[in-house]
Amino acid sequence: LLDRLINPMVSGLPAFLVSQPGVNSGMMIVQYVAASLCAENRQMAQPAVVDNYVTSGLQEDHLSLGTSAALKLHKVLGNVTQILAIEYLLAAQAFEFLKAQGFGVGTGAAWRLL
C-alpha cells in the first residue's frame, strides 16, 4: 500500500509525497522503516515449535514454547502499531495534496479522523 501512495506512476501524487522535489526525500525513508518492520514481522512469523527444546528429563517438549511465542507476538504487535502509524502519516500527507479537489462523505470522514 505504501509504495502505491509514494509512487507517482501509480498514485498521480508527487514522488515520495514531497511538495518540493530535490529539497528533501519526503516519505522515502519512512517507507524504508515500514518495509523493515514488515520484514521483521515475516521473520518472526516462524512457528515457535521450530526452536523447540526437550525439558523435564525427556518427558516434555512443549513447555519451552510459550514464553518465546509470547515475546515474538509482543514484538510483532509493536511493529504493527508502528506500521499503522506510518500508513496514517502517509495517508494524511496524500490527503494534503488532494484536499483542494474536495472529498466525498466517506473520505472526508476519514480525513477528519486522521
N, C-alpha and C. Protein backbone atom coordinates (compact mmCIF):
# COMPACT_ATOMS: atom_id res chain seq x y z
N LEU A 1 0.82 -1.20 0.00
CA LEU A 1 0.00 0.00 0.00
C LEU A 1 0.87 1.26 0.00
N LEU A 2 1.91 1.27 0.82
CA LEU A 2 2.71 2.48 0.93
C LEU A 2 3.38 2.84 -0.39
N ASP A 3 3.87 1.85 -1.10
CA ASP A 3 4.52 2.14 -2.38
C ASP A 3 3.53 2.74 -3.37
N ARG A 4 2.29 2.31 -3.29
CA ARG A 4 1.27 2.85 -4.19
C ARG A 4 1.02 4.33 -3.91
N LEU A 5 1.18 4.76 -2.66
CA LEU A 5 0.99 6.17 -2.32
C LEU A 5 2.16 7.04 -2.75
N ILE A 6 3.38 6.54 -2.61
CA ILE A 6 4.55 7.39 -2.88
C ILE A 6 5.06 7.27 -4.31
N ASN A 7 4.50 6.37 -5.09
CA ASN A 7 4.93 6.17 -6.47
C ASN A 7 4.04 7.00 -7.40
N PRO A 8 4.59 8.03 -8.03
CA PRO A 8 3.76 8.91 -8.86
C PRO A 8 3.15 8.20 -10.07
N MET A 9 3.77 7.12 -10.52
CA MET A 9 3.22 6.39 -11.67
C MET A 9 1.93 5.65 -11.31
N VAL A 10 1.73 5.41 -10.03
CA VAL A 10 0.54 4.69 -9.58
C VAL A 10 -0.48 5.65 -8.98
N SER A 11 -0.01 6.57 -8.12
CA SER A 11 -0.92 7.43 -7.37
C SER A 11 -1.27 8.73 -8.08
N GLY A 12 -0.40 9.18 -8.97
CA GLY A 12 -0.60 10.50 -9.56
C GLY A 12 -0.20 11.63 -8.63
N LEU A 13 0.32 11.29 -7.47
CA LEU A 13 0.78 12.29 -6.49
C LEU A 13 2.28 12.52 -6.68
N PRO A 14 2.83 13.57 -6.09
CA PRO A 14 4.27 13.80 -6.19
C PRO A 14 5.06 12.62 -5.62
N ALA A 15 6.21 12.35 -6.23
CA ALA A 15 7.06 11.25 -5.76
C ALA A 15 7.40 11.42 -4.28
N PHE A 16 7.24 10.36 -3.54
CA PHE A 16 7.54 10.32 -2.11
C PHE A 16 6.73 11.34 -1.31
N LEU A 17 5.64 11.81 -1.90
CA LEU A 17 4.72 12.76 -1.26
C LEU A 17 5.43 14.01 -0.76
N VAL A 18 6.36 14.50 -1.56
CA VAL A 18 7.10 15.70 -1.17
C VAL A 18 6.66 16.86 -2.06
N SER A 19 6.45 18.02 -1.44
CA SER A 19 5.95 19.17 -2.20
C SER A 19 7.05 19.85 -3.01
N GLN A 20 8.30 19.74 -2.57
CA GLN A 20 9.42 20.36 -3.29
C GLN A 20 10.46 19.28 -3.62
N PRO A 21 10.28 18.57 -4.72
CA PRO A 21 11.23 17.51 -5.07
C PRO A 21 12.67 18.03 -5.15
N GLY A 22 13.59 17.23 -4.69
CA GLY A 22 15.00 17.61 -4.71
C GLY A 22 15.46 18.31 -3.45
N VAL A 23 14.52 18.90 -2.70
CA VAL A 23 14.88 19.59 -1.47
C VAL A 23 15.01 18.60 -0.32
N ASN A 24 14.13 17.62 -0.27
CA ASN A 24 14.23 16.57 0.74
C ASN A 24 13.70 15.26 0.16
N SER A 25 13.84 14.20 0.91
CA SER A 25 13.46 12.87 0.39
C SER A 25 12.02 12.51 0.72
N GLY A 26 11.26 13.43 1.28
CA GLY A 26 9.85 13.17 1.55
C GLY A 26 9.65 11.95 2.42
N MET A 27 8.79 11.07 1.97
CA MET A 27 8.43 9.89 2.76
C MET A 27 9.22 8.64 2.37
N MET A 28 10.32 8.82 1.65
CA MET A 28 11.11 7.67 1.21
C MET A 28 11.65 6.87 2.41
N ILE A 29 12.28 7.54 3.34
CA ILE A 29 12.87 6.84 4.48
C ILE A 29 11.79 6.25 5.37
N VAL A 30 10.67 6.94 5.47
CA VAL A 30 9.54 6.42 6.25
C VAL A 30 9.08 5.09 5.66
N GLN A 31 9.04 5.01 4.34
CA GLN A 31 8.66 3.75 3.70
C GLN A 31 9.70 2.67 4.00
N TYR A 32 10.98 3.01 4.02
CA TYR A 32 12.02 2.04 4.35
C TYR A 32 11.79 1.46 5.75
N VAL A 33 11.44 2.33 6.68
CA VAL A 33 11.19 1.87 8.05
C VAL A 33 10.03 0.88 8.07
N ALA A 34 8.94 1.21 7.39
CA ALA A 34 7.78 0.31 7.36
C ALA A 34 8.15 -1.01 6.70
N ALA A 35 8.91 -0.97 5.62
CA ALA A 35 9.32 -2.21 4.94
C ALA A 35 10.19 -3.06 5.85
N SER A 36 11.07 -2.42 6.59
CA SER A 36 11.93 -3.14 7.53
C SER A 36 11.11 -3.80 8.63
N LEU A 37 10.14 -3.08 9.16
CA LEU A 37 9.28 -3.65 10.20
C LEU A 37 8.46 -4.82 9.66
N CYS A 38 7.97 -4.70 8.43
CA CYS A 38 7.23 -5.81 7.81
C CYS A 38 8.12 -7.03 7.63
N ALA A 39 9.36 -6.81 7.20
CA ALA A 39 10.30 -7.92 7.03
C ALA A 39 10.58 -8.60 8.36
N GLU A 40 10.74 -7.80 9.41
CA GLU A 40 10.97 -8.38 10.73
C GLU A 40 9.77 -9.20 11.17
N ASN A 41 8.56 -8.72 10.90
CA ASN A 41 7.36 -9.49 11.25
C ASN A 41 7.32 -10.81 10.50
N ARG A 42 7.69 -10.80 9.23
CA ARG A 42 7.71 -12.06 8.46
C ARG A 42 8.69 -13.05 9.08
N GLN A 43 9.85 -12.56 9.50
CA GLN A 43 10.83 -13.45 10.13
C GLN A 43 10.30 -14.01 11.45
N MET A 44 9.59 -13.18 12.20
CA MET A 44 9.07 -13.62 13.50
C MET A 44 7.84 -14.51 13.36
N ALA A 45 7.30 -14.61 12.16
CA ALA A 45 6.12 -15.46 11.95
C ALA A 45 6.49 -16.94 11.94
N GLN A 46 7.77 -17.23 12.00
CA GLN A 46 8.20 -18.63 12.09
C GLN A 46 7.60 -19.24 13.35
N PRO A 47 6.99 -20.40 13.26
CA PRO A 47 6.36 -21.01 14.43
C PRO A 47 7.37 -21.24 15.56
N ALA A 48 6.95 -21.01 16.78
CA ALA A 48 7.82 -21.21 17.94
C ALA A 48 8.29 -22.66 18.04
N VAL A 49 7.50 -23.59 17.56
CA VAL A 49 7.85 -25.00 17.67
C VAL A 49 9.13 -25.34 16.92
N VAL A 50 9.53 -24.53 15.95
CA VAL A 50 10.77 -24.78 15.21
C VAL A 50 11.98 -24.71 16.14
N ASP A 51 11.91 -23.88 17.16
CA ASP A 51 13.01 -23.72 18.11
C ASP A 51 12.74 -24.46 19.41
N ASN A 52 12.12 -25.59 19.33
CA ASN A 52 11.71 -26.35 20.50
C ASN A 52 12.89 -27.02 21.21
N TYR A 53 12.76 -27.18 22.53
CA TYR A 53 13.74 -27.88 23.35
C TYR A 53 13.02 -28.88 24.23
N VAL A 54 13.63 -30.03 24.40
CA VAL A 54 13.06 -31.05 25.29
C VAL A 54 13.38 -30.65 26.72
N THR A 55 12.40 -30.83 27.61
CA THR A 55 12.57 -30.48 29.02
C THR A 55 12.14 -31.64 29.90
N SER A 56 12.35 -31.51 31.17
CA SER A 56 11.85 -32.44 32.19
C SER A 56 12.29 -33.88 31.93
N GLY A 57 13.59 -34.06 31.73
CA GLY A 57 14.11 -35.41 31.58
C GLY A 57 13.54 -36.15 30.38
N LEU A 58 13.44 -35.48 29.26
CA LEU A 58 12.92 -36.04 28.00
C LEU A 58 11.43 -36.38 28.05
N GLN A 59 10.71 -35.81 29.02
CA GLN A 59 9.29 -36.11 29.13
C GLN A 59 8.40 -35.05 28.49
N GLU A 60 8.88 -33.83 28.40
CA GLU A 60 8.05 -32.74 27.88
C GLU A 60 8.83 -31.93 26.86
N ASP A 61 8.12 -31.44 25.87
CA ASP A 61 8.79 -30.59 24.89
C ASP A 61 8.00 -29.33 24.55
N HIS A 62 6.83 -29.19 25.09
CA HIS A 62 6.00 -28.03 24.72
C HIS A 62 6.09 -26.88 25.71
N LEU A 63 6.62 -27.11 26.88
CA LEU A 63 6.64 -26.05 27.89
C LEU A 63 7.57 -24.90 27.56
N SER A 64 8.58 -25.16 26.76
CA SER A 64 9.55 -24.10 26.46
C SER A 64 9.07 -23.15 25.37
N LEU A 65 7.89 -23.38 24.81
CA LEU A 65 7.45 -22.59 23.66
C LEU A 65 6.67 -21.33 24.02
N GLY A 66 5.97 -21.35 25.11
CA GLY A 66 5.06 -20.25 25.44
C GLY A 66 5.74 -18.91 25.58
N THR A 67 6.83 -18.86 26.31
CA THR A 67 7.49 -17.58 26.54
C THR A 67 8.03 -16.98 25.25
N SER A 68 8.72 -17.79 24.46
CA SER A 68 9.28 -17.24 23.22
C SER A 68 8.18 -16.83 22.25
N ALA A 69 7.09 -17.60 22.19
CA ALA A 69 5.97 -17.23 21.31
C ALA A 69 5.34 -15.92 21.77
N ALA A 70 5.17 -15.76 23.08
CA ALA A 70 4.57 -14.54 23.61
C ALA A 70 5.47 -13.33 23.36
N LEU A 71 6.77 -13.50 23.53
CA LEU A 71 7.70 -12.40 23.28
C LEU A 71 7.71 -11.99 21.81
N LYS A 72 7.65 -12.98 20.92
CA LYS A 72 7.59 -12.66 19.49
C LYS A 72 6.29 -11.93 19.16
N LEU A 73 5.19 -12.39 19.72
CA LEU A 73 3.91 -11.74 19.48
C LEU A 73 3.94 -10.29 19.97
N HIS A 74 4.51 -10.07 21.14
CA HIS A 74 4.60 -8.72 21.68
C HIS A 74 5.39 -7.81 20.74
N LYS A 75 6.49 -8.30 20.21
CA LYS A 75 7.30 -7.51 19.27
C LYS A 75 6.54 -7.26 17.97
N VAL A 76 5.86 -8.28 17.45
CA VAL A 76 5.09 -8.12 16.22
C VAL A 76 3.99 -7.08 16.40
N LEU A 77 3.29 -7.12 17.53
CA LEU A 77 2.23 -6.14 17.78
C LEU A 77 2.79 -4.72 17.85
N GLY A 78 3.96 -4.56 18.46
CA GLY A 78 4.60 -3.25 18.48
C GLY A 78 4.95 -2.78 17.07
N ASN A 79 5.46 -3.71 16.26
CA ASN A 79 5.79 -3.37 14.88
C ASN A 79 4.55 -2.98 14.09
N VAL A 80 3.47 -3.73 14.27
CA VAL A 80 2.22 -3.44 13.56
C VAL A 80 1.71 -2.05 13.95
N THR A 81 1.81 -1.71 15.21
CA THR A 81 1.39 -0.38 15.67
C THR A 81 2.19 0.70 14.94
N GLN A 82 3.49 0.50 14.81
CA GLN A 82 4.33 1.48 14.11
C GLN A 82 4.00 1.52 12.62
N ILE A 83 3.77 0.36 12.02
CA ILE A 83 3.43 0.32 10.59
C ILE A 83 2.12 1.06 10.34
N LEU A 84 1.12 0.84 11.19
CA LEU A 84 -0.16 1.54 11.02
C LEU A 84 0.01 3.04 11.19
N ALA A 85 0.84 3.45 12.14
CA ALA A 85 1.09 4.88 12.32
C ALA A 85 1.74 5.48 11.06
N ILE A 86 2.65 4.74 10.46
CA ILE A 86 3.29 5.20 9.22
C ILE A 86 2.27 5.28 8.10
N GLU A 87 1.39 4.28 8.01
CA GLU A 87 0.35 4.32 6.97
C GLU A 87 -0.57 5.52 7.16
N TYR A 88 -0.94 5.83 8.40
CA TYR A 88 -1.77 7.01 8.66
C TYR A 88 -1.02 8.28 8.28
N LEU A 89 0.26 8.35 8.61
CA LEU A 89 1.07 9.52 8.27
C LEU A 89 1.10 9.75 6.76
N LEU A 90 1.35 8.69 6.00
CA LEU A 90 1.40 8.82 4.55
C LEU A 90 0.03 9.14 3.98
N ALA A 91 -1.02 8.55 4.54
CA ALA A 91 -2.37 8.86 4.07
C ALA A 91 -2.70 10.33 4.32
N ALA A 92 -2.32 10.84 5.49
CA ALA A 92 -2.58 12.25 5.79
C ALA A 92 -1.82 13.16 4.83
N GLN A 93 -0.58 12.80 4.52
CA GLN A 93 0.20 13.60 3.57
C GLN A 93 -0.42 13.55 2.18
N ALA A 94 -0.88 12.37 1.77
CA ALA A 94 -1.54 12.24 0.47
C ALA A 94 -2.81 13.08 0.44
N PHE A 95 -3.58 13.07 1.52
CA PHE A 95 -4.80 13.88 1.59
C PHE A 95 -4.48 15.36 1.43
N GLU A 96 -3.34 15.80 1.96
CA GLU A 96 -2.95 17.20 1.82
C GLU A 96 -2.85 17.62 0.36
N PHE A 97 -2.33 16.72 -0.48
CA PHE A 97 -2.20 17.04 -1.90
C PHE A 97 -3.55 17.01 -2.62
N LEU A 98 -4.50 16.29 -2.07
CA LEU A 98 -5.78 16.09 -2.75
C LEU A 98 -6.94 16.92 -2.20
N LYS A 99 -6.74 17.59 -1.07
CA LYS A 99 -7.88 18.24 -0.41
C LYS A 99 -8.49 19.36 -1.24
N ALA A 100 -7.73 19.97 -2.13
CA ALA A 100 -8.28 21.03 -2.98
C ALA A 100 -9.37 20.49 -3.92
N GLN A 101 -9.31 19.19 -4.22
CA GLN A 101 -10.31 18.57 -5.09
C GLN A 101 -11.62 18.32 -4.36
N GLY A 102 -11.58 18.36 -3.04
CA GLY A 102 -12.76 18.05 -2.25
C GLY A 102 -12.89 16.55 -2.06
N PHE A 103 -13.52 16.17 -0.97
CA PHE A 103 -13.66 14.76 -0.63
C PHE A 103 -15.12 14.36 -0.63
N GLY A 104 -15.37 13.09 -0.87
CA GLY A 104 -16.70 12.54 -0.68
C GLY A 104 -16.98 12.42 0.81
N VAL A 105 -18.17 12.02 1.15
CA VAL A 105 -18.57 11.91 2.56
C VAL A 105 -17.65 10.96 3.32
N GLY A 106 -17.42 9.76 2.78
CA GLY A 106 -16.58 8.77 3.46
C GLY A 106 -15.14 9.20 3.58
N THR A 107 -14.59 9.74 2.50
CA THR A 107 -13.21 10.19 2.52
C THR A 107 -13.05 11.39 3.44
N GLY A 108 -14.02 12.27 3.45
CA GLY A 108 -13.98 13.41 4.36
C GLY A 108 -13.98 12.97 5.81
N ALA A 109 -14.77 11.96 6.12
CA ALA A 109 -14.80 11.42 7.49
C ALA A 109 -13.44 10.81 7.85
N ALA A 110 -12.84 10.11 6.91
CA ALA A 110 -11.51 9.53 7.15
C ALA A 110 -10.48 10.63 7.37
N TRP A 111 -10.56 11.69 6.58
CA TRP A 111 -9.63 12.82 6.71
C TRP A 111 -9.76 13.47 8.08
N ARG A 112 -10.98 13.67 8.54
CA ARG A 112 -11.18 14.28 9.87
C ARG A 112 -10.64 13.37 10.97
N LEU A 113 -10.75 12.07 10.77
CA LEU A 113 -10.23 11.11 11.74
C LEU A 113 -8.71 11.19 11.83
N LEU A 114 -8.06 11.37 10.68
CA LEU A 114 -6.60 11.50 10.67
C LEU A 114 -6.18 12.80 11.32
